[in-house]
Protein backbone atom coordinates (compact mmCIF):
# COMPACT_ATOMS: atom_id res chain seq x y z
CA UNK A 1 -104.07 -146.51 137.56
CA UNK A 2 -105.18 -142.98 136.62
CA UNK A 3 -103.32 -141.45 133.70
CA UNK A 4 -103.66 -138.19 131.82
CA UNK A 5 -101.25 -137.96 128.93
CA UNK A 6 -100.94 -134.67 127.06
CA UNK A 7 -99.55 -134.38 123.55
CA UNK A 8 -99.40 -131.91 120.69
CA UNK A 9 -97.19 -129.23 122.17
CA UNK A 10 -94.23 -127.73 120.37
CA UNK A 11 -92.70 -124.65 118.83
CA UNK A 12 -94.93 -122.48 116.66
CA UNK A 13 -94.63 -119.01 115.15
CA UNK A 14 -96.87 -116.15 116.30
CA UNK A 15 -100.21 -116.40 114.55
CA UNK A 16 -99.92 -120.14 114.18
CA UNK A 17 -102.04 -122.97 115.54
CA UNK A 18 -101.61 -126.06 117.68
CA UNK A 19 -103.99 -128.74 118.86
CA UNK A 20 -103.34 -130.27 122.25
CA UNK A 21 -104.75 -133.65 123.19
CA UNK A 22 -105.12 -135.28 126.59
CA UNK A 23 -105.79 -139.01 126.66
CA UNK A 24 -107.33 -140.27 129.89
CA UNK A 25 -107.41 -143.74 131.41
CA UNK A 26 -108.05 -145.39 134.75
CA UNK A 27 -111.23 -143.53 135.64
CA UNK A 28 -114.71 -142.89 134.26
CA UNK A 29 -113.83 -140.05 131.91
CA UNK A 30 -117.42 -139.14 131.05
CA UNK A 31 -118.13 -138.35 134.72
CA UNK A 32 -115.41 -135.74 135.03
CA UNK A 33 -115.19 -132.09 134.11
CA UNK A 34 -112.02 -131.48 132.15
CA UNK A 35 -109.83 -128.42 132.06
CA UNK A 36 -106.65 -127.09 130.55
CA UNK A 37 -104.32 -125.02 132.72
CA UNK A 38 -101.02 -123.40 131.85
CA UNK A 39 -98.00 -122.20 133.74
CA UNK A 40 -95.42 -119.82 132.35
CA UNK A 41 -91.97 -119.44 133.92
CA UNK A 42 -92.17 -117.41 137.12
CA UNK A 43 -95.95 -117.29 137.05
CA UNK A 44 -98.72 -119.16 138.82
CA UNK A 45 -100.69 -121.88 137.10
CA UNK A 46 -103.83 -120.44 135.52
CA UNK A 47 -107.03 -121.89 134.14
CA UNK A 48 -107.23 -121.65 130.36
CA UNK A 49 -110.41 -123.50 129.47
CA UNK A 50 -112.88 -125.93 131.00
CA UNK A 51 -115.64 -128.21 129.76
CA UNK A 52 -118.37 -130.03 131.66
CA UNK A 53 -118.59 -133.81 131.76
CA UNK A 54 -121.13 -134.05 128.92
CA UNK A 55 -119.51 -131.25 126.98
CA UNK A 56 -122.50 -128.96 127.13
CA UNK A 57 -120.79 -126.00 128.77
CA UNK A 58 -117.40 -124.45 128.23
CA UNK A 59 -115.55 -121.61 129.90
CA UNK A 60 -112.45 -119.70 128.87
CA UNK A 61 -109.97 -117.28 130.35
CA UNK A 62 -110.47 -113.81 128.92
CA UNK A 63 -106.98 -113.93 127.44
CA UNK A 64 -107.86 -116.84 125.13
CA UNK A 65 -111.52 -116.22 124.30
CA UNK A 66 -112.12 -116.31 120.57
CA UNK A 67 -108.77 -118.00 119.92
CA UNK A 68 -108.90 -121.29 121.84
CA UNK A 69 -111.55 -124.00 121.77
CA UNK A 70 -111.89 -126.85 124.23
CA UNK A 71 -113.73 -130.00 123.22
CA UNK A 72 -113.99 -133.61 124.31
CA UNK A 73 -114.76 -137.01 122.87
CA UNK A 74 -116.13 -139.23 125.63
CA UNK A 75 -115.99 -142.27 123.35
CA UNK A 76 -112.24 -141.79 123.01
CA UNK A 77 -111.62 -140.59 126.59
CA UNK A 78 -109.86 -137.55 125.18
CA UNK A 79 -110.06 -133.80 125.66
CA UNK A 80 -108.66 -131.33 123.15
CA UNK A 81 -107.53 -127.74 123.09
CA UNK A 82 -107.46 -126.10 119.68
CA UNK A 83 -105.26 -123.02 119.87
CA UNK A 84 -105.36 -120.50 117.04
CA UNK A 85 -103.78 -117.08 116.54
CA UNK A 86 -101.11 -117.96 119.05
CA UNK A 87 -99.17 -115.18 120.74
CA UNK A 88 -95.78 -115.21 122.49
CA UNK A 89 -97.60 -114.73 125.79
CA UNK A 90 -99.27 -118.11 125.27
CA UNK A 91 -95.89 -119.74 125.85
CA UNK A 92 -96.22 -122.06 128.84
CA UNK A 93 -96.45 -125.63 129.98
CA UNK A 94 -100.04 -126.76 129.41
CA UNK A 95 -101.60 -129.21 131.83
CA UNK A 96 -104.71 -131.34 131.56
CA UNK A 97 -106.92 -131.67 134.63
CA UNK A 98 -109.81 -133.97 135.47
CA UNK A 99 -112.10 -133.13 138.37
CA UNK A 100 -115.20 -134.63 139.93
CA UNK A 101 -116.98 -133.67 143.12
CA UNK A 102 -119.06 -136.37 144.79
CA UNK A 103 -120.57 -135.32 148.11
CA UNK A 104 -117.68 -134.30 150.34
CA UNK A 105 -115.11 -135.96 148.09
CA UNK A 106 -113.15 -134.24 145.35
CA UNK A 107 -111.32 -136.32 142.77
CA UNK A 108 -108.62 -134.24 141.07
CA UNK A 109 -106.09 -135.61 138.57
CA UNK A 110 -103.30 -133.92 136.59
CA UNK A 111 -101.23 -134.75 133.56
CA UNK A 112 -97.49 -134.23 133.28
CA UNK A 113 -97.78 -131.22 130.99
CA UNK A 114 -96.75 -130.38 127.46
CA UNK A 115 -94.60 -127.41 126.46
CA UNK A 116 -95.99 -124.81 124.06
CA UNK A 117 -93.55 -122.21 122.79
CA UNK A 118 -94.69 -119.36 120.56
CA UNK A 119 -91.72 -117.60 119.01
CA UNK A 120 -90.42 -116.39 115.70
């Protein structure tokens, strides 16, 4: 059974930091690219950060570059999102995503999300 379980969300003041974790099980984690998405109320889900299966390449949305860092530990089947210098506009539900393309097949899994609220 595939599971992606996010944790680490919460309420933080502007300028603060949070570290999100996503623990994966039920699939070969090291074969999947991992991403973090977020969705704010009334807005579409957007890609925040992504990392390749071996962790050699990362990509970030322009809005979080220099503030957020995605990383992964394939031995622990976990992907992280370190969020620094948080702003109120970072408030959203953050989702973990695992994706693998094999020929004509796409394997795409989502977590349940964790709420991040940035407010004074």
